[in-house]
Amino acid sequence: VSGGPQTTLSLRNAGFIMGVLMLLFVSLGLMRWGG
């Protein structure tokens, strides 16, 4: 509802989100198996 920029979803946006998700998965892997 905040009404951010008027751009549509692009392949670049999806790639950025996938990159952030990969960072999160690696971090969660460290959390799970680090100990």
ModelCIF file with pLDDT and N, C-alpha, C, O atoms, coordinates in Angstrom:
data_MODEL
#
_entry.id   MODEL 
#
_entity.id                         1 
_entity.type                       polymer 
_entity.pdbx_number_of_molecules   1 
#
_entity_poly.entity_id                      1 
_entity_poly.type                           'polypeptide(L)' 
_entity_poly.nstd_linkage                   no 
_entity_poly.nstd_monomer                   no 
_entity_poly.pdbx_seq_one_letter_code       VSGGPQTTLSLRNAGFIMGVLMLLFVSLGLMRWGG 
_entity_poly.pdbx_seq_one_letter_code_can   VSGGPQTTLSLRNAGFIMGVLMLLFVSLGLMRWGG 
_entity_poly.pdbx_strand_id                 A 
#
loop_
_entity_poly_seq.entity_id 
_entity_poly_seq.num 
_entity_poly_seq.mon_id 
_entity_poly_seq.hetero 
1 1  VAL n 
1 2  SER n 
1 3  GLY n 
1 4  GLY n 
1 5  PRO n 
1 6  GLN n 
1 7  THR n 
1 8  THR n 
1 9  LEU n 
1 10 SER n 
1 11 LEU n 
1 12 ARG n 
1 13 ASN n 
1 14 ALA n 
1 15 GLY n 
1 16 PHE n 
1 17 ILE n 
1 18 MET n 
1 19 GLY n 
1 20 VAL n 
1 21 LEU n 
1 22 MET n 
1 23 LEU n 
1 24 LEU n 
1 25 PHE n 
1 26 VAL n 
1 27 SER n 
1 28 LEU n 
1 29 GLY n 
1 30 LEU n 
1 31 MET n 
1 32 ARG n 
1 33 TRP n 
1 34 GLY n 
1 35 GLY n 
#
_struct_asym.id          A 
_struct_asym.entity_id   1 
#
loop_
_ma_qa_metric.id 
_ma_qa_metric.mode 
_ma_qa_metric.name 
_ma_qa_metric.software_group_id 
_ma_qa_metric.type 
1 global pLDDT . pLDDT 
2 local  pLDDT . pLDDT 
#
_ma_qa_metric_global.metric_id      1 
_ma_qa_metric_global.metric_value   85.71 
_ma_qa_metric_global.model_id       1 
_ma_qa_metric_global.ordinal_id     1 
#
loop_
_ma_qa_metric_local.label_asym_id 
_ma_qa_metric_local.label_comp_id 
_ma_qa_metric_local.label_seq_id 
_ma_qa_metric_local.metric_id 
_ma_qa_metric_local.metric_value 
_ma_qa_metric_local.model_id 
_ma_qa_metric_local.ordinal_id 
A VAL 1  2 87.00 1 1  
A SER 2  2 83.00 1 2  
A GLY 3  2 67.00 1 3  
A GLY 4  2 66.00 1 4  
A PRO 5  2 65.00 1 5  
A GLN 6  2 67.00 1 6  
A THR 7  2 68.00 1 7  
A THR 8  2 69.00 1 8  
A LEU 9  2 70.00 1 9  
A SER 10 2 77.00 1 10 
A LEU 11 2 85.00 1 11 
A ARG 12 2 86.00 1 12 
A ASN 13 2 79.00 1 13 
A ALA 14 2 83.00 1 14 
A GLY 15 2 88.00 1 15 
A PHE 16 2 88.00 1 16 
A ILE 17 2 86.00 1 17 
A MET 18 2 91.00 1 18 
A GLY 19 2 92.00 1 19 
A VAL 20 2 93.00 1 20 
A LEU 21 2 93.00 1 21 
A MET 22 2 96.00 1 22 
A LEU 23 2 96.00 1 23 
A LEU 24 2 95.00 1 24 
A PHE 25 2 96.00 1 25 
A VAL 26 2 96.00 1 26 
A SER 27 2 96.00 1 27 
A LEU 28 2 94.00 1 28 
A GLY 29 2 95.00 1 29 
A LEU 30 2 94.00 1 30 
A MET 31 2 93.00 1 31 
A ARG 32 2 92.00 1 32 
A TRP 33 2 93.00 1 33 
A GLY 34 2 91.00 1 34 
A GLY 35 2 90.00 1 35 
#
loop_
_atom_site.group_PDB 
_atom_site.id 
_atom_site.type_symbol 
_atom_site.label_atom_id 
_atom_site.label_alt_id 
_atom_site.label_comp_id 
_atom_site.label_asym_id 
_atom_site.label_entity_id 
_atom_site.label_seq_id 
_atom_site.pdbx_PDB_ins_code 
_atom_site.Cartn_x 
_atom_site.Cartn_y 
_atom_site.Cartn_z 
_atom_site.occupancy 
_atom_site.B_iso_or_equiv 
_atom_site.pdbx_formal_charge 
_atom_site.auth_seq_id 
_atom_site.auth_comp_id 
_atom_site.auth_asym_id 
_atom_site.auth_atom_id 
_atom_site.pdbx_PDB_model_num 
ATOM 1   N N  . VAL A 1 1  ? 0.806  -1.228  0.000   1.00 87.00 ? 1  VAL A N  1 
ATOM 2   C CA . VAL A 1 1  ? 0.000  0.000   0.000   1.00 87.00 ? 1  VAL A CA 1 
ATOM 3   C C  . VAL A 1 1  ? 0.836  1.274   0.000   1.00 87.00 ? 1  VAL A C  1 
ATOM 4   O O  . VAL A 1 1  ? 0.291  2.370   -0.134  1.00 87.00 ? 1  VAL A O  1 
ATOM 5   N N  . SER A 1 2  ? 2.155  1.145   0.149   1.00 83.00 ? 2  SER A N  1 
ATOM 6   C CA . SER A 1 2  ? 2.989  2.349   0.269   1.00 83.00 ? 2  SER A CA 1 
ATOM 7   C C  . SER A 1 2  ? 3.153  3.091   -1.055  1.00 83.00 ? 2  SER A C  1 
ATOM 8   O O  . SER A 1 2  ? 3.484  4.277   -1.061  1.00 83.00 ? 2  SER A O  1 
ATOM 9   N N  . GLY A 1 3  ? 2.929  2.419   -2.155  1.00 67.00 ? 3  GLY A N  1 
ATOM 10  C CA . GLY A 1 3  ? 2.992  3.104   -3.449  1.00 67.00 ? 3  GLY A CA 1 
ATOM 11  C C  . GLY A 1 3  ? 4.399  3.512   -3.828  1.00 67.00 ? 3  GLY A C  1 
ATOM 12  O O  . GLY A 1 3  ? 4.675  4.697   -4.017  1.00 67.00 ? 3  GLY A O  1 
ATOM 13  N N  . GLY A 1 4  ? 5.281  2.556   -3.940  1.00 66.00 ? 4  GLY A N  1 
ATOM 14  C CA . GLY A 1 4  ? 6.675  2.803   -4.309  1.00 66.00 ? 4  GLY A CA 1 
ATOM 15  C C  . GLY A 1 4  ? 6.803  3.218   -5.761  1.00 66.00 ? 4  GLY A C  1 
ATOM 16  O O  . GLY A 1 4  ? 5.844  3.708   -6.358  1.00 66.00 ? 4  GLY A O  1 
ATOM 17  N N  . PRO A 1 5  ? 7.983  3.025   -6.333  1.00 65.00 ? 5  PRO A N  1 
ATOM 18  C CA . PRO A 1 5  ? 8.211  3.446   -7.720  1.00 65.00 ? 5  PRO A CA 1 
ATOM 19  C C  . PRO A 1 5  ? 7.288  2.713   -8.695  1.00 65.00 ? 5  PRO A C  1 
ATOM 20  O O  . PRO A 1 5  ? 6.923  1.556   -8.487  1.00 65.00 ? 5  PRO A O  1 
ATOM 21  N N  . GLN A 1 6  ? 6.936  3.404   -9.733  1.00 67.00 ? 6  GLN A N  1 
ATOM 22  C CA . GLN A 1 6  ? 5.993  2.866   -10.714 1.00 67.00 ? 6  GLN A CA 1 
ATOM 23  C C  . GLN A 1 6  ? 6.705  2.056   -11.795 1.00 67.00 ? 6  GLN A C  1 
ATOM 24  O O  . GLN A 1 6  ? 6.549  2.325   -12.986 1.00 67.00 ? 6  GLN A O  1 
ATOM 25  N N  . THR A 1 7  ? 7.474  1.079   -11.378 1.00 68.00 ? 7  THR A N  1 
ATOM 26  C CA . THR A 1 7  ? 8.136  0.203   -12.340 1.00 68.00 ? 7  THR A CA 1 
ATOM 27  C C  . THR A 1 7  ? 7.551  -1.186  -12.215 1.00 68.00 ? 7  THR A C  1 
ATOM 28  O O  . THR A 1 7  ? 7.036  -1.580  -11.168 1.00 68.00 ? 7  THR A O  1 
ATOM 29  N N  . THR A 1 8  ? 7.642  -1.898  -13.287 1.00 69.00 ? 8  THR A N  1 
ATOM 30  C CA . THR A 1 8  ? 7.105  -3.256  -13.269 1.00 69.00 ? 8  THR A CA 1 
ATOM 31  C C  . THR A 1 8  ? 8.209  -4.245  -12.936 1.00 69.00 ? 8  THR A C  1 
ATOM 32  O O  . THR A 1 8  ? 9.392  -3.916  -13.010 1.00 69.00 ? 8  THR A O  1 
ATOM 33  N N  . LEU A 1 9  ? 7.821  -5.446  -12.571 1.00 70.00 ? 9  LEU A N  1 
ATOM 34  C CA . LEU A 1 9  ? 8.762  -6.497  -12.228 1.00 70.00 ? 9  LEU A CA 1 
ATOM 35  C C  . LEU A 1 9  ? 9.550  -6.893  -13.469 1.00 70.00 ? 9  LEU A C  1 
ATOM 36  O O  . LEU A 1 9  ? 8.974  -7.138  -14.529 1.00 70.00 ? 9  LEU A O  1 
ATOM 37  N N  . SER A 1 10 ? 10.875 -6.955  -13.330 1.00 77.00 ? 10 SER A N  1 
ATOM 38  C CA . SER A 1 10 ? 11.724 -7.284  -14.467 1.00 77.00 ? 10 SER A CA 1 
ATOM 39  C C  . SER A 1 10 ? 12.580 -8.500  -14.142 1.00 77.00 ? 10 SER A C  1 
ATOM 40  O O  . SER A 1 10 ? 12.583 -8.989  -13.012 1.00 77.00 ? 10 SER A O  1 
ATOM 41  N N  . LEU A 1 11 ? 13.290 -8.970  -15.123 1.00 85.00 ? 11 LEU A N  1 
ATOM 42  C CA . LEU A 1 11 ? 14.206 -10.089 -14.940 1.00 85.00 ? 11 LEU A CA 1 
ATOM 43  C C  . LEU A 1 11 ? 15.346 -9.694  -13.995 1.00 85.00 ? 11 LEU A C  1 
ATOM 44  O O  . LEU A 1 11 ? 15.830 -10.524 -13.225 1.00 85.00 ? 11 LEU A O  1 
ATOM 45  N N  . ARG A 1 12 ? 15.767 -8.449  -14.054 1.00 86.00 ? 12 ARG A N  1 
ATOM 46  C CA . ARG A 1 12 ? 16.818 -7.950  -13.150 1.00 86.00 ? 12 ARG A CA 1 
ATOM 47  C C  . ARG A 1 12 ? 16.336 -7.989  -11.702 1.00 86.00 ? 12 ARG A C  1 
ATOM 48  O O  . ARG A 1 12 ? 17.091 -8.377  -10.810 1.00 86.00 ? 12 ARG A O  1 
ATOM 49  N N  . ASN A 1 13 ? 15.087 -7.591  -11.460 1.00 79.00 ? 13 ASN A N  1 
ATOM 50  C CA . ASN A 1 13 ? 14.528 -7.646  -10.106 1.00 79.00 ? 13 ASN A CA 1 
ATOM 51  C C  . ASN A 1 13 ? 14.459 -9.077  -9.596  1.00 79.00 ? 13 ASN A C  1 
ATOM 52  O O  . ASN A 1 13 ? 14.793 -9.360  -8.446  1.00 79.00 ? 13 ASN A O  1 
ATOM 53  N N  . ALA A 1 14 ? 14.022 -9.967  -10.469 1.00 83.00 ? 14 ALA A N  1 
ATOM 54  C CA . ALA A 1 14 ? 13.926 -11.371 -10.074 1.00 83.00 ? 14 ALA A CA 1 
ATOM 55  C C  . ALA A 1 14 ? 15.310 -11.944 -9.774  1.00 83.00 ? 14 ALA A C  1 
ATOM 56  O O  . ALA A 1 14 ? 15.460 -12.731 -8.840  1.00 83.00 ? 14 ALA A O  1 
ATOM 57  N N  . GLY A 1 15 ? 16.315 -11.561 -10.547 1.00 88.00 ? 15 GLY A N  1 
ATOM 58  C CA . GLY A 1 15 ? 17.682 -12.004 -10.290 1.00 88.00 ? 15 GLY A CA 1 
ATOM 59  C C  . GLY A 1 15 ? 18.202 -11.492 -8.958  1.00 88.00 ? 15 GLY A C  1 
ATOM 60  O O  . GLY A 1 15 ? 18.885 -12.217 -8.234  1.00 88.00 ? 15 GLY A O  1 
ATOM 61  N N  . PHE A 1 16 ? 17.883 -10.251 -8.633  1.00 88.00 ? 16 PHE A N  1 
ATOM 62  C CA . PHE A 1 16 ? 18.290 -9.679  -7.349  1.00 88.00 ? 16 PHE A CA 1 
ATOM 63  C C  . PHE A 1 16 ? 17.644 -10.451 -6.195  1.00 88.00 ? 16 PHE A C  1 
ATOM 64  O O  . PHE A 1 16 ? 18.310 -10.789 -5.217  1.00 88.00 ? 16 PHE A O  1 
ATOM 65  N N  . ILE A 1 17 ? 16.368 -10.721 -6.317  1.00 86.00 ? 17 ILE A N  1 
ATOM 66  C CA . ILE A 1 17 ? 15.655 -11.467 -5.270  1.00 86.00 ? 17 ILE A CA 1 
ATOM 67  C C  . ILE A 1 17 ? 16.233 -12.872 -5.135  1.00 86.00 ? 17 ILE A C  1 
ATOM 68  O O  . ILE A 1 17 ? 16.389 -13.373 -4.021  1.00 86.00 ? 17 ILE A O  1 
ATOM 69  N N  . MET A 1 18 ? 16.548 -13.505 -6.251  1.00 91.00 ? 18 MET A N  1 
ATOM 70  C CA . MET A 1 18 ? 17.153 -14.838 -6.190  1.00 91.00 ? 18 MET A CA 1 
ATOM 71  C C  . MET A 1 18 ? 18.532 -14.795 -5.517  1.00 91.00 ? 18 MET A C  1 
ATOM 72  O O  . MET A 1 18 ? 18.884 -15.704 -4.765  1.00 91.00 ? 18 MET A O  1 
ATOM 73  N N  . GLY A 1 19 ? 19.297 -13.754 -5.784  1.00 92.00 ? 19 GLY A N  1 
ATOM 74  C CA . GLY A 1 19 ? 20.599 -13.602 -5.136  1.00 92.00 ? 19 GLY A CA 1 
ATOM 75  C C  . GLY A 1 19 ? 20.473 -13.424 -3.630  1.00 92.00 ? 19 GLY A C  1 
ATOM 76  O O  . GLY A 1 19 ? 21.228 -14.020 -2.862  1.00 92.00 ? 19 GLY A O  1 
ATOM 77  N N  . VAL A 1 20 ? 19.524 -12.609 -3.214  1.00 93.00 ? 20 VAL A N  1 
ATOM 78  C CA . VAL A 1 20 ? 19.287 -12.414 -1.778  1.00 93.00 ? 20 VAL A CA 1 
ATOM 79  C C  . VAL A 1 20 ? 18.808 -13.719 -1.143  1.00 93.00 ? 20 VAL A C  1 
ATOM 80  O O  . VAL A 1 20 ? 19.223 -14.056 -0.034  1.00 93.00 ? 20 VAL A O  1 
ATOM 81  N N  . LEU A 1 21 ? 17.943 -14.450 -1.835  1.00 93.00 ? 21 LEU A N  1 
ATOM 82  C CA . LEU A 1 21 ? 17.485 -15.739 -1.299  1.00 93.00 ? 21 LEU A CA 1 
ATOM 83  C C  . LEU A 1 21 ? 18.643 -16.719 -1.160  1.00 93.00 ? 21 LEU A C  1 
ATOM 84  O O  . LEU A 1 21 ? 18.693 -17.479 -0.193  1.00 93.00 ? 21 LEU A O  1 
ATOM 85  N N  . MET A 1 22 ? 19.572 -16.713 -2.109  1.00 96.00 ? 22 MET A N  1 
ATOM 86  C CA . MET A 1 22 ? 20.745 -17.589 -1.999  1.00 96.00 ? 22 MET A CA 1 
ATOM 87  C C  . MET A 1 22 ? 21.592 -17.216 -0.785  1.00 96.00 ? 22 MET A C  1 
ATOM 88  O O  . MET A 1 22 ? 22.072 -18.098 -0.073  1.00 96.00 ? 22 MET A O  1 
ATOM 89  N N  . LEU A 1 23 ? 21.778 -15.919 -0.542  1.00 96.00 ? 23 LEU A N  1 
ATOM 90  C CA . LEU A 1 23 ? 22.498 -15.487 0.655   1.00 96.00 ? 23 LEU A CA 1 
ATOM 91  C C  . LEU A 1 23 ? 21.797 -15.966 1.923   1.00 96.00 ? 23 LEU A C  1 
ATOM 92  O O  . LEU A 1 23 ? 22.444 -16.400 2.876   1.00 96.00 ? 23 LEU A O  1 
ATOM 93  N N  . LEU A 1 24 ? 20.483 -15.883 1.922   1.00 95.00 ? 24 LEU A N  1 
ATOM 94  C CA . LEU A 1 24 ? 19.721 -16.333 3.087   1.00 95.00 ? 24 LEU A CA 1 
ATOM 95  C C  . LEU A 1 24 ? 19.865 -17.842 3.278   1.00 95.00 ? 24 LEU A C  1 
ATOM 96  O O  . LEU A 1 24 ? 20.022 -18.304 4.409   1.00 95.00 ? 24 LEU A O  1 
ATOM 97  N N  . PHE A 1 25 ? 19.813 -18.610 2.206   1.00 96.00 ? 25 PHE A N  1 
ATOM 98  C CA . PHE A 1 25 ? 19.965 -20.066 2.313   1.00 96.00 ? 25 PHE A CA 1 
ATOM 99  C C  . PHE A 1 25 ? 21.359 -20.454 2.811   1.00 96.00 ? 25 PHE A C  1 
ATOM 100 O O  . PHE A 1 25 ? 21.495 -21.369 3.623   1.00 96.00 ? 25 PHE A O  1 
ATOM 101 N N  . VAL A 1 26 ? 22.388 -19.761 2.328   1.00 96.00 ? 26 VAL A N  1 
ATOM 102 C CA . VAL A 1 26 ? 23.751 -20.039 2.802   1.00 96.00 ? 26 VAL A CA 1 
ATOM 103 C C  . VAL A 1 26 ? 23.860 -19.706 4.291   1.00 96.00 ? 26 VAL A C  1 
ATOM 104 O O  . VAL A 1 26 ? 24.446 -20.469 5.059   1.00 96.00 ? 26 VAL A O  1 
ATOM 105 N N  . SER A 1 27 ? 23.298 -18.574 4.693   1.00 96.00 ? 27 SER A N  1 
ATOM 106 C CA . SER A 1 27 ? 23.324 -18.182 6.106   1.00 96.00 ? 27 SER A CA 1 
ATOM 107 C C  . SER A 1 27 ? 22.570 -19.179 6.969   1.00 96.00 ? 27 SER A C  1 
ATOM 108 O O  . SER A 1 27 ? 23.031 -19.540 8.052   1.00 96.00 ? 27 SER A O  1 
ATOM 109 N N  . LEU A 1 28 ? 21.420 -19.623 6.501   1.00 94.00 ? 28 LEU A N  1 
ATOM 110 C CA . LEU A 1 28 ? 20.669 -20.623 7.258   1.00 94.00 ? 28 LEU A CA 1 
ATOM 111 C C  . LEU A 1 28 ? 21.416 -21.952 7.306   1.00 94.00 ? 28 LEU A C  1 
ATOM 112 O O  . LEU A 1 28 ? 21.326 -22.675 8.298   1.00 94.00 ? 28 LEU A O  1 
ATOM 113 N N  . GLY A 1 29 ? 22.150 -22.278 6.249   1.00 95.00 ? 29 GLY A N  1 
ATOM 114 C CA . GLY A 1 29 ? 22.984 -23.482 6.269   1.00 95.00 ? 29 GLY A CA 1 
ATOM 115 C C  . GLY A 1 29 ? 24.086 -23.371 7.311   1.00 95.00 ? 29 GLY A C  1 
ATOM 116 O O  . GLY A 1 29 ? 24.361 -24.330 8.032   1.00 95.00 ? 29 GLY A O  1 
ATOM 117 N N  . LEU A 1 30 ? 24.720 -22.197 7.393   1.00 94.00 ? 30 LEU A N  1 
ATOM 118 C CA . LEU A 1 30 ? 25.717 -21.975 8.444   1.00 94.00 ? 30 LEU A CA 1 
ATOM 119 C C  . LEU A 1 30 ? 25.083 -22.094 9.828   1.00 94.00 ? 30 LEU A C  1 
ATOM 120 O O  . LEU A 1 30 ? 25.681 -22.646 10.751  1.00 94.00 ? 30 LEU A O  1 
ATOM 121 N N  . MET A 1 31 ? 23.873 -21.573 9.957   1.00 93.00 ? 31 MET A N  1 
ATOM 122 C CA . MET A 1 31 ? 23.178 -21.643 11.238  1.00 93.00 ? 31 MET A CA 1 
ATOM 123 C C  . MET A 1 31 ? 22.873 -23.095 11.599  1.00 93.00 ? 31 MET A C  1 
ATOM 124 O O  . MET A 1 31 ? 23.023 -23.489 12.755  1.00 93.00 ? 31 MET A O  1 
ATOM 125 N N  . ARG A 1 32 ? 22.455 -23.875 10.641  1.00 92.00 ? 32 ARG A N  1 
ATOM 126 C CA . ARG A 1 32 ? 22.058 -25.252 10.898  1.00 92.00 ? 32 ARG A CA 1 
ATOM 127 C C  . ARG A 1 32 ? 23.253 -26.173 11.152  1.00 92.00 ? 32 ARG A C  1 
ATOM 128 O O  . ARG A 1 32 ? 23.232 -26.980 12.081  1.00 92.00 ? 32 ARG A O  1 
ATOM 129 N N  . TRP A 1 33 ? 24.292 -26.050 10.327  1.00 93.00 ? 33 TRP A N  1 
ATOM 130 C CA . TRP A 1 33 ? 25.395 -27.003 10.402  1.00 93.00 ? 33 TRP A CA 1 
ATOM 131 C C  . TRP A 1 33 ? 26.671 -26.431 11.025  1.00 93.00 ? 33 TRP A C  1 
ATOM 132 O O  . TRP A 1 33 ? 27.633 -27.172 11.228  1.00 93.00 ? 33 TRP A O  1 
ATOM 133 N N  . GLY A 1 34 ? 26.700 -25.131 11.333  1.00 91.00 ? 34 GLY A N  1 
ATOM 134 C CA . GLY A 1 34 ? 27.898 -24.529 11.910  1.00 91.00 ? 34 GLY A CA 1 
ATOM 135 C C  . GLY A 1 34 ? 28.270 -25.129 13.254  1.00 91.00 ? 34 GLY A C  1 
ATOM 136 O O  . GLY A 1 34 ? 29.437 -25.446 13.484  1.00 91.00 ? 34 GLY A O  1 
ATOM 137 N N  . GLY A 1 35 ? 27.306 -25.290 14.140  1.00 90.00 ? 35 GLY A N  1 
ATOM 138 C CA . GLY A 1 35 ? 27.571 -25.879 15.451  1.00 90.00 ? 35 GLY A CA 1 
ATOM 139 C C  . GLY A 1 35 ? 28.077 -27.308 15.366  1.00 90.00 ? 35 GLY A C  1 
ATOM 140 O O  . GLY A 1 35 ? 28.342 -27.931 16.394  1.00 90.00 ? 35 GLY A O  1 
#
